[in-house]
Amino acid sequence: MEDTRKLFNKKAPPFSLSDQYGKIHTLSDYQGKWVVLYFYPKDDTPGCTQEACFFRDNLHILAQKNIAVIGVSADSIASHDKFAEKYQLTYPLLADTKKIVISAYGAWGMKQSMGKQYEGILRNTYLINPQGVIKKIYERVTPETLF
């Protein structure tokens, strides 16, 4: 697991992952744009749905500021497709089933629920500038405190 603090002000780790339609996205596809890259634990769960819909509802504001939104989880392309269709999510949801990109961004780690600890995807969000440098890191975001 990468320590997220080490990523601040550094080049964002590259990625090449498929979205809910099977289209491959790479970080270099977004050169010249700001990118909100957010990691979330699971499609169609309450907190993840709230977070995804927050970005959906604010997409037009972010687009006016030249900011693209990309969600990443370990769910399959088929799961992302159902989730995106159900909630009308028009931005890419990338499938990182092997958790390679999730790990590279330090979004895999220890979590706690009902007194039990386990490893899982951390709800981290990264703001990447048009040159591909991470300029802001929001760690362990909760849907109640989104931006």
N, C-alpha and C. Protein backbone atom coordinates (compact mmCIF):
# COMPACT_ATOMS: atom_id res chain seq x y z
N MET A 1 0.84 -1.19 0.00
CA MET A 1 0.00 0.00 0.00
C MET A 1 0.88 1.24 0.00
N GLU A 2 0.60 2.14 -0.91
CA GLU A 2 1.33 3.40 -1.04
C GLU A 2 0.83 4.38 0.02
N ASP A 3 1.74 5.07 0.68
CA ASP A 3 1.35 6.12 1.62
C ASP A 3 0.88 7.31 0.78
N THR A 4 -0.37 7.70 0.93
CA THR A 4 -0.93 8.74 0.07
C THR A 4 -0.19 10.07 0.19
N ARG A 5 0.39 10.35 1.35
CA ARG A 5 1.12 11.63 1.51
C ARG A 5 2.31 11.71 0.55
N LYS A 6 2.89 10.57 0.20
CA LYS A 6 4.02 10.55 -0.72
C LYS A 6 3.59 10.92 -2.14
N LEU A 7 2.30 10.84 -2.42
CA LEU A 7 1.79 11.14 -3.76
C LEU A 7 1.55 12.63 -3.99
N PHE A 8 1.39 13.38 -2.92
CA PHE A 8 1.09 14.81 -3.05
C PHE A 8 2.20 15.53 -3.82
N ASN A 9 1.79 16.32 -4.79
CA ASN A 9 2.69 17.13 -5.63
C ASN A 9 3.61 16.28 -6.51
N LYS A 10 3.24 15.02 -6.71
CA LYS A 10 4.00 14.12 -7.59
C LYS A 10 3.13 13.75 -8.78
N LYS A 11 3.77 13.23 -9.82
CA LYS A 11 3.02 12.74 -10.97
C LYS A 11 2.07 11.64 -10.50
N ALA A 12 0.85 11.71 -10.94
CA ALA A 12 -0.14 10.70 -10.59
C ALA A 12 0.24 9.38 -11.24
N PRO A 13 0.06 8.27 -10.52
CA PRO A 13 0.34 6.97 -11.13
C PRO A 13 -0.52 6.77 -12.39
N PRO A 14 0.08 6.28 -13.46
CA PRO A 14 -0.68 6.08 -14.69
C PRO A 14 -1.69 4.94 -14.52
N PHE A 15 -2.70 4.94 -15.35
CA PHE A 15 -3.66 3.84 -15.34
C PHE A 15 -4.18 3.61 -16.74
N SER A 16 -4.67 2.41 -16.96
CA SER A 16 -5.32 2.01 -18.20
C SER A 16 -6.37 0.98 -17.80
N LEU A 17 -7.62 1.45 -17.68
CA LEU A 17 -8.70 0.60 -17.19
C LEU A 17 -9.95 0.80 -18.05
N SER A 18 -10.80 -0.21 -18.07
CA SER A 18 -12.05 -0.15 -18.83
C SER A 18 -13.16 0.47 -17.99
N ASP A 19 -14.02 1.23 -18.68
CA ASP A 19 -15.17 1.82 -18.01
C ASP A 19 -16.39 0.92 -18.13
N GLN A 20 -17.54 1.43 -17.74
CA GLN A 20 -18.78 0.65 -17.73
C GLN A 20 -19.23 0.22 -19.11
N TYR A 21 -18.67 0.82 -20.17
CA TYR A 21 -19.02 0.45 -21.54
C TYR A 21 -17.93 -0.39 -22.21
N GLY A 22 -16.86 -0.68 -21.46
CA GLY A 22 -15.75 -1.44 -22.02
C GLY A 22 -14.70 -0.57 -22.69
N LYS A 23 -14.87 0.75 -22.65
CA LYS A 23 -13.90 1.67 -23.24
C LYS A 23 -12.72 1.86 -22.29
N ILE A 24 -11.51 1.78 -22.84
CA ILE A 24 -10.29 1.95 -22.05
C ILE A 24 -10.03 3.45 -21.82
N HIS A 25 -9.70 3.79 -20.59
CA HIS A 25 -9.31 5.16 -20.22
C HIS A 25 -7.91 5.11 -19.64
N THR A 26 -7.09 6.08 -20.04
CA THR A 26 -5.76 6.24 -19.46
C THR A 26 -5.68 7.65 -18.88
N LEU A 27 -4.78 7.84 -17.94
CA LEU A 27 -4.60 9.17 -17.37
C LEU A 27 -4.19 10.16 -18.45
N SER A 28 -3.38 9.72 -19.39
CA SER A 28 -2.92 10.62 -20.46
C SER A 28 -4.07 11.10 -21.35
N ASP A 29 -5.19 10.38 -21.38
CA ASP A 29 -6.36 10.83 -22.13
C ASP A 29 -6.87 12.17 -21.60
N TYR A 30 -6.55 12.48 -20.36
CA TYR A 30 -7.08 13.67 -19.69
C TYR A 30 -6.05 14.79 -19.56
N GLN A 31 -4.93 14.65 -20.27
CA GLN A 31 -3.91 15.70 -20.23
C GLN A 31 -4.54 17.02 -20.68
N GLY A 32 -4.26 18.08 -19.94
CA GLY A 32 -4.83 19.39 -20.25
C GLY A 32 -6.11 19.67 -19.49
N LYS A 33 -6.59 18.68 -18.72
CA LYS A 33 -7.79 18.85 -17.89
C LYS A 33 -7.44 18.57 -16.44
N TRP A 34 -8.21 19.14 -15.55
CA TRP A 34 -8.17 18.74 -14.16
C TRP A 34 -8.96 17.44 -14.06
N VAL A 35 -8.58 16.58 -13.15
CA VAL A 35 -9.27 15.30 -12.97
C VAL A 35 -9.57 15.08 -11.49
N VAL A 36 -10.82 14.77 -11.19
CA VAL A 36 -11.20 14.26 -9.88
C VAL A 36 -11.25 12.75 -10.04
N LEU A 37 -10.30 12.07 -9.43
CA LEU A 37 -10.23 10.61 -9.48
C LEU A 37 -10.63 10.10 -8.10
N TYR A 38 -11.80 9.47 -8.04
CA TYR A 38 -12.25 9.01 -6.73
C TYR A 38 -12.38 7.50 -6.70
N PHE A 39 -11.98 6.95 -5.57
CA PHE A 39 -12.02 5.51 -5.33
C PHE A 39 -13.15 5.23 -4.35
N TYR A 40 -13.91 4.18 -4.65
CA TYR A 40 -15.05 3.86 -3.79
C TYR A 40 -15.15 2.34 -3.63
N PRO A 41 -15.70 1.90 -2.50
CA PRO A 41 -15.69 0.46 -2.20
C PRO A 41 -16.57 -0.44 -3.06
N LYS A 42 -17.83 -0.04 -3.35
CA LYS A 42 -18.71 -1.01 -4.01
C LYS A 42 -19.89 -0.32 -4.68
N ASP A 43 -20.17 -0.76 -5.91
CA ASP A 43 -21.32 -0.26 -6.66
C ASP A 43 -22.62 -0.50 -5.89
N ASP A 44 -23.52 0.45 -6.01
CA ASP A 44 -24.91 0.33 -5.55
C ASP A 44 -25.04 0.04 -4.06
N THR A 45 -24.11 0.55 -3.26
CA THR A 45 -24.26 0.51 -1.81
C THR A 45 -24.59 1.93 -1.37
N PRO A 46 -25.18 2.12 -0.20
CA PRO A 46 -25.68 3.46 0.16
C PRO A 46 -24.65 4.59 0.08
N GLY A 47 -23.50 4.43 0.73
CA GLY A 47 -22.51 5.50 0.72
C GLY A 47 -21.92 5.75 -0.66
N CYS A 48 -21.66 4.68 -1.39
CA CYS A 48 -21.08 4.81 -2.73
C CYS A 48 -22.08 5.42 -3.70
N THR A 49 -23.34 5.08 -3.53
CA THR A 49 -24.38 5.67 -4.38
C THR A 49 -24.51 7.16 -4.09
N GLN A 50 -24.49 7.53 -2.83
CA GLN A 50 -24.56 8.95 -2.46
C GLN A 50 -23.39 9.73 -3.05
N GLU A 51 -22.19 9.17 -2.97
CA GLU A 51 -21.01 9.82 -3.52
C GLU A 51 -21.10 9.94 -5.04
N ALA A 52 -21.47 8.85 -5.71
CA ALA A 52 -21.58 8.85 -7.17
C ALA A 52 -22.62 9.87 -7.64
N CYS A 53 -23.74 9.94 -6.95
CA CYS A 53 -24.79 10.88 -7.34
C CYS A 53 -24.40 12.32 -7.05
N PHE A 54 -23.59 12.54 -6.02
CA PHE A 54 -23.05 13.87 -5.75
C PHE A 54 -22.25 14.35 -6.96
N PHE A 55 -21.36 13.50 -7.46
CA PHE A 55 -20.57 13.89 -8.64
C PHE A 55 -21.47 14.06 -9.86
N ARG A 56 -22.43 13.17 -10.05
CA ARG A 56 -23.38 13.29 -11.16
C ARG A 56 -24.10 14.63 -11.11
N ASP A 57 -24.58 15.00 -9.94
CA ASP A 57 -25.36 16.23 -9.80
C ASP A 57 -24.52 17.50 -9.95
N ASN A 58 -23.22 17.38 -9.78
CA ASN A 58 -22.34 18.55 -9.90
C ASN A 58 -21.44 18.49 -11.13
N LEU A 59 -21.67 17.53 -11.99
CA LEU A 59 -20.83 17.33 -13.17
C LEU A 59 -20.80 18.56 -14.06
N HIS A 60 -21.93 19.21 -14.25
CA HIS A 60 -21.99 20.39 -15.12
C HIS A 60 -21.14 21.53 -14.56
N ILE A 61 -21.11 21.70 -13.25
CA ILE A 61 -20.30 22.75 -12.63
C ILE A 61 -18.82 22.42 -12.80
N LEU A 62 -18.46 21.17 -12.58
CA LEU A 62 -17.07 20.75 -12.72
C LEU A 62 -16.62 20.86 -14.18
N ALA A 63 -17.47 20.47 -15.11
CA ALA A 63 -17.12 20.55 -16.53
C ALA A 63 -16.86 22.00 -16.96
N GLN A 64 -17.61 22.94 -16.41
CA GLN A 64 -17.38 24.35 -16.72
C GLN A 64 -16.00 24.82 -16.27
N LYS A 65 -15.44 24.11 -15.29
CA LYS A 65 -14.12 24.45 -14.76
C LYS A 65 -13.03 23.55 -15.34
N ASN A 66 -13.37 22.82 -16.43
CA ASN A 66 -12.42 21.93 -17.10
C ASN A 66 -11.97 20.78 -16.20
N ILE A 67 -12.91 20.26 -15.41
CA ILE A 67 -12.62 19.16 -14.50
C ILE A 67 -13.41 17.93 -14.93
N ALA A 68 -12.70 16.84 -15.16
CA ALA A 68 -13.32 15.55 -15.48
C ALA A 68 -13.43 14.74 -14.20
N VAL A 69 -14.47 13.92 -14.11
CA VAL A 69 -14.68 13.05 -12.95
C VAL A 69 -14.55 11.60 -13.40
N ILE A 70 -13.80 10.83 -12.61
CA ILE A 70 -13.62 9.41 -12.88
C ILE A 70 -13.74 8.66 -11.56
N GLY A 71 -14.59 7.64 -11.53
CA GLY A 71 -14.72 6.79 -10.37
C GLY A 71 -14.01 5.47 -10.61
N VAL A 72 -13.45 4.88 -9.55
CA VAL A 72 -12.73 3.61 -9.66
C VAL A 72 -13.13 2.71 -8.49
N SER A 73 -13.46 1.47 -8.80
CA SER A 73 -13.65 0.46 -7.76
C SER A 73 -13.19 -0.89 -8.33
N ALA A 74 -13.23 -1.91 -7.50
CA ALA A 74 -12.82 -3.24 -7.93
C ALA A 74 -13.97 -4.03 -8.55
N ASP A 75 -15.13 -3.40 -8.69
CA ASP A 75 -16.28 -4.08 -9.30
C ASP A 75 -16.03 -4.31 -10.80
N SER A 76 -16.79 -5.23 -11.36
CA SER A 76 -16.65 -5.59 -12.78
C SER A 76 -17.26 -4.52 -13.69
N ILE A 77 -16.94 -4.63 -14.97
CA ILE A 77 -17.53 -3.75 -15.97
C ILE A 77 -19.06 -3.90 -15.96
N ALA A 78 -19.54 -5.13 -15.87
CA ALA A 78 -20.99 -5.38 -15.86
C ALA A 78 -21.66 -4.72 -14.65
N SER A 79 -21.02 -4.80 -13.50
CA SER A 79 -21.56 -4.17 -12.29
C SER A 79 -21.60 -2.65 -12.46
N HIS A 80 -20.51 -2.10 -13.00
CA HIS A 80 -20.46 -0.64 -13.25
C HIS A 80 -21.56 -0.23 -14.23
N ASP A 81 -21.78 -1.04 -15.24
CA ASP A 81 -22.80 -0.72 -16.25
C ASP A 81 -24.19 -0.64 -15.60
N LYS A 82 -24.52 -1.61 -14.77
CA LYS A 82 -25.82 -1.62 -14.08
C LYS A 82 -25.95 -0.42 -13.14
N PHE A 83 -24.88 -0.15 -12.39
CA PHE A 83 -24.86 0.97 -11.44
C PHE A 83 -25.04 2.30 -12.17
N ALA A 84 -24.27 2.48 -13.25
CA ALA A 84 -24.34 3.72 -14.03
C ALA A 84 -25.72 3.91 -14.65
N GLU A 85 -26.29 2.83 -15.16
CA GLU A 85 -27.61 2.93 -15.78
C GLU A 85 -28.68 3.24 -14.73
N LYS A 86 -28.62 2.56 -13.61
CA LYS A 86 -29.63 2.75 -12.56
C LYS A 86 -29.67 4.19 -12.05
N TYR A 87 -28.48 4.82 -11.93
CA TYR A 87 -28.40 6.16 -11.35
C TYR A 87 -28.04 7.25 -12.38
N GLN A 88 -28.06 6.88 -13.65
CA GLN A 88 -27.77 7.83 -14.74
C GLN A 88 -26.42 8.53 -14.54
N LEU A 89 -25.41 7.71 -14.28
CA LEU A 89 -24.04 8.22 -14.11
C LEU A 89 -23.40 8.27 -15.48
N THR A 90 -23.07 9.46 -15.93
CA THR A 90 -22.57 9.64 -17.30
C THR A 90 -21.05 9.77 -17.38
N TYR A 91 -20.39 9.75 -16.27
CA TYR A 91 -18.93 9.83 -16.26
C TYR A 91 -18.36 8.41 -16.13
N PRO A 92 -17.07 8.22 -16.46
CA PRO A 92 -16.49 6.88 -16.43
C PRO A 92 -16.39 6.29 -15.02
N LEU A 93 -16.79 5.03 -14.92
CA LEU A 93 -16.57 4.22 -13.73
C LEU A 93 -15.61 3.12 -14.16
N LEU A 94 -14.40 3.17 -13.66
CA LEU A 94 -13.37 2.24 -14.12
C LEU A 94 -13.30 0.99 -13.25
N ALA A 95 -13.14 -0.14 -13.91
CA ALA A 95 -13.09 -1.44 -13.25
C ALA A 95 -11.63 -1.84 -13.00
N ASP A 96 -11.24 -1.84 -11.74
CA ASP A 96 -9.89 -2.26 -11.35
C ASP A 96 -10.00 -3.55 -10.54
N THR A 97 -10.42 -4.61 -11.21
CA THR A 97 -10.71 -5.88 -10.53
C THR A 97 -9.47 -6.50 -9.87
N LYS A 98 -8.29 -6.16 -10.38
CA LYS A 98 -7.06 -6.70 -9.79
C LYS A 98 -6.48 -5.76 -8.72
N LYS A 99 -7.11 -4.61 -8.54
CA LYS A 99 -6.74 -3.63 -7.51
C LYS A 99 -5.33 -3.05 -7.69
N ILE A 100 -4.84 -3.03 -8.91
CA ILE A 100 -3.50 -2.52 -9.18
C ILE A 100 -3.47 -0.99 -9.05
N VAL A 101 -4.41 -0.31 -9.68
CA VAL A 101 -4.47 1.16 -9.62
C VAL A 101 -4.90 1.59 -8.22
N ILE A 102 -5.85 0.88 -7.65
CA ILE A 102 -6.31 1.17 -6.29
C ILE A 102 -5.11 1.16 -5.34
N SER A 103 -4.27 0.16 -5.45
CA SER A 103 -3.07 0.06 -4.60
C SER A 103 -2.06 1.15 -4.92
N ALA A 104 -1.86 1.45 -6.20
CA ALA A 104 -0.88 2.46 -6.60
C ALA A 104 -1.23 3.83 -6.02
N TYR A 105 -2.50 4.11 -5.85
CA TYR A 105 -2.95 5.39 -5.30
C TYR A 105 -3.10 5.35 -3.77
N GLY A 106 -2.77 4.24 -3.16
CA GLY A 106 -2.88 4.13 -1.71
C GLY A 106 -4.32 4.06 -1.22
N ALA A 107 -5.21 3.60 -2.09
CA ALA A 107 -6.63 3.53 -1.74
C ALA A 107 -7.03 2.13 -1.28
N TRP A 108 -6.08 1.33 -0.89
CA TRP A 108 -6.34 0.00 -0.33
C TRP A 108 -5.71 -0.01 1.06
N GLY A 109 -6.48 -0.40 2.06
CA GLY A 109 -5.92 -0.41 3.40
C GLY A 109 -6.88 -0.95 4.42
N MET A 110 -6.52 -0.77 5.68
CA MET A 110 -7.32 -1.28 6.78
C MET A 110 -8.53 -0.38 7.01
N LYS A 111 -9.66 -1.05 7.20
CA LYS A 111 -10.92 -0.37 7.48
C LYS A 111 -11.52 -1.00 8.72
N GLN A 112 -12.54 -0.35 9.27
CA GLN A 112 -13.20 -0.89 10.44
C GLN A 112 -14.69 -0.69 10.30
N SER A 113 -15.42 -1.74 10.64
CA SER A 113 -16.87 -1.68 10.62
C SER A 113 -17.40 -2.57 11.74
N MET A 114 -18.25 -2.02 12.55
CA MET A 114 -18.84 -2.75 13.67
C MET A 114 -17.78 -3.43 14.53
N GLY A 115 -16.70 -2.73 14.78
CA GLY A 115 -15.64 -3.23 15.65
C GLY A 115 -14.69 -4.23 15.01
N LYS A 116 -14.91 -4.57 13.75
CA LYS A 116 -14.02 -5.52 13.08
C LYS A 116 -13.14 -4.80 12.07
N GLN A 117 -11.87 -5.19 12.04
CA GLN A 117 -10.95 -4.62 11.07
C GLN A 117 -10.81 -5.56 9.88
N TYR A 118 -10.67 -4.97 8.71
CA TYR A 118 -10.49 -5.75 7.49
C TYR A 118 -9.84 -4.86 6.44
N GLU A 119 -9.29 -5.48 5.41
CA GLU A 119 -8.70 -4.72 4.31
C GLU A 119 -9.77 -4.43 3.26
N GLY A 120 -9.68 -3.26 2.67
CA GLY A 120 -10.64 -2.91 1.64
C GLY A 120 -10.28 -1.61 0.96
N ILE A 121 -11.14 -1.19 0.05
CA ILE A 121 -10.93 0.04 -0.69
C ILE A 121 -11.30 1.22 0.20
N LEU A 122 -10.37 2.15 0.31
CA LEU A 122 -10.58 3.37 1.08
C LEU A 122 -11.23 4.41 0.16
N ARG A 123 -12.14 5.17 0.69
CA ARG A 123 -12.84 6.18 -0.08
C ARG A 123 -11.94 7.43 -0.16
N ASN A 124 -10.95 7.35 -1.05
CA ASN A 124 -10.01 8.46 -1.26
C ASN A 124 -10.30 9.13 -2.59
N THR A 125 -10.06 10.45 -2.63
CA THR A 125 -10.27 11.23 -3.85
C THR A 125 -9.02 12.06 -4.10
N TYR A 126 -8.63 12.14 -5.38
CA TYR A 126 -7.42 12.85 -5.77
C TYR A 126 -7.77 13.89 -6.81
N LEU A 127 -7.26 15.09 -6.64
CA LEU A 127 -7.40 16.15 -7.63
C LEU A 127 -6.09 16.24 -8.38
N ILE A 128 -6.15 15.94 -9.67
CA ILE A 128 -4.95 15.89 -10.52
C ILE A 128 -5.00 17.06 -11.48
N ASN A 129 -3.89 17.81 -11.57
CA ASN A 129 -3.88 19.00 -12.42
C ASN A 129 -3.69 18.63 -13.90
N PRO A 130 -3.81 19.61 -14.80
CA PRO A 130 -3.72 19.31 -16.24
C PRO A 130 -2.37 18.73 -16.69
N GLN A 131 -1.34 18.85 -15.85
CA GLN A 131 -0.03 18.27 -16.17
C GLN A 131 0.14 16.88 -15.57
N GLY A 132 -0.91 16.37 -14.90
CA GLY A 132 -0.85 15.02 -14.33
C GLY A 132 -0.24 14.94 -12.95
N VAL A 133 -0.21 16.06 -12.22
CA VAL A 133 0.36 16.10 -10.87
C VAL A 133 -0.78 16.14 -9.84
N ILE A 134 -0.65 15.33 -8.80
CA ILE A 134 -1.66 15.32 -7.73
C ILE A 134 -1.51 16.58 -6.89
N LYS A 135 -2.56 17.39 -6.87
CA LYS A 135 -2.52 18.67 -6.16
C LYS A 135 -3.31 18.67 -4.87
N LYS A 136 -4.21 17.72 -4.70
CA LYS A 136 -5.00 17.65 -3.47
C LYS A 136 -5.40 16.20 -3.26
N ILE A 137 -5.37 15.77 -2.00
CA ILE A 137 -5.77 14.42 -1.64
C ILE A 137 -6.79 14.51 -0.51
N TYR A 138 -7.94 13.89 -0.74
CA TYR A 138 -8.98 13.80 0.28
C TYR A 138 -9.00 12.35 0.73
N GLU A 139 -8.56 12.10 1.96
CA GLU A 139 -8.48 10.73 2.46
C GLU A 139 -9.73 10.36 3.24
N ARG A 140 -10.13 9.10 3.06
CA ARG A 140 -11.25 8.52 3.80
C ARG A 140 -12.46 9.45 3.83
N VAL A 141 -12.84 9.87 2.63
CA VAL A 141 -13.99 10.74 2.44
C VAL A 141 -15.25 10.02 2.93
N THR A 142 -16.12 10.76 3.55
CA THR A 142 -17.43 10.21 3.91
C THR A 142 -18.47 10.94 3.07
N PRO A 143 -19.50 10.26 2.66
CA PRO A 143 -20.52 10.92 1.83
C PRO A 143 -21.09 12.17 2.49
N GLU A 144 -21.13 12.21 3.81
CA GLU A 144 -21.69 13.36 4.51
C GLU A 144 -20.78 14.59 4.42
N THR A 145 -19.51 14.40 4.12
CA THR A 145 -18.58 15.52 4.12
C THR A 145 -17.99 15.80 2.73
N LEU A 146 -18.69 15.39 1.69
CA LEU A 146 -18.18 15.61 0.34
C LEU A 146 -18.03 17.10 0.09
N PHE A 147 -16.85 17.50 -0.23
CA PHE A 147 -16.51 18.85 -0.64
C PHE A 147 -17.48 19.87 -0.12
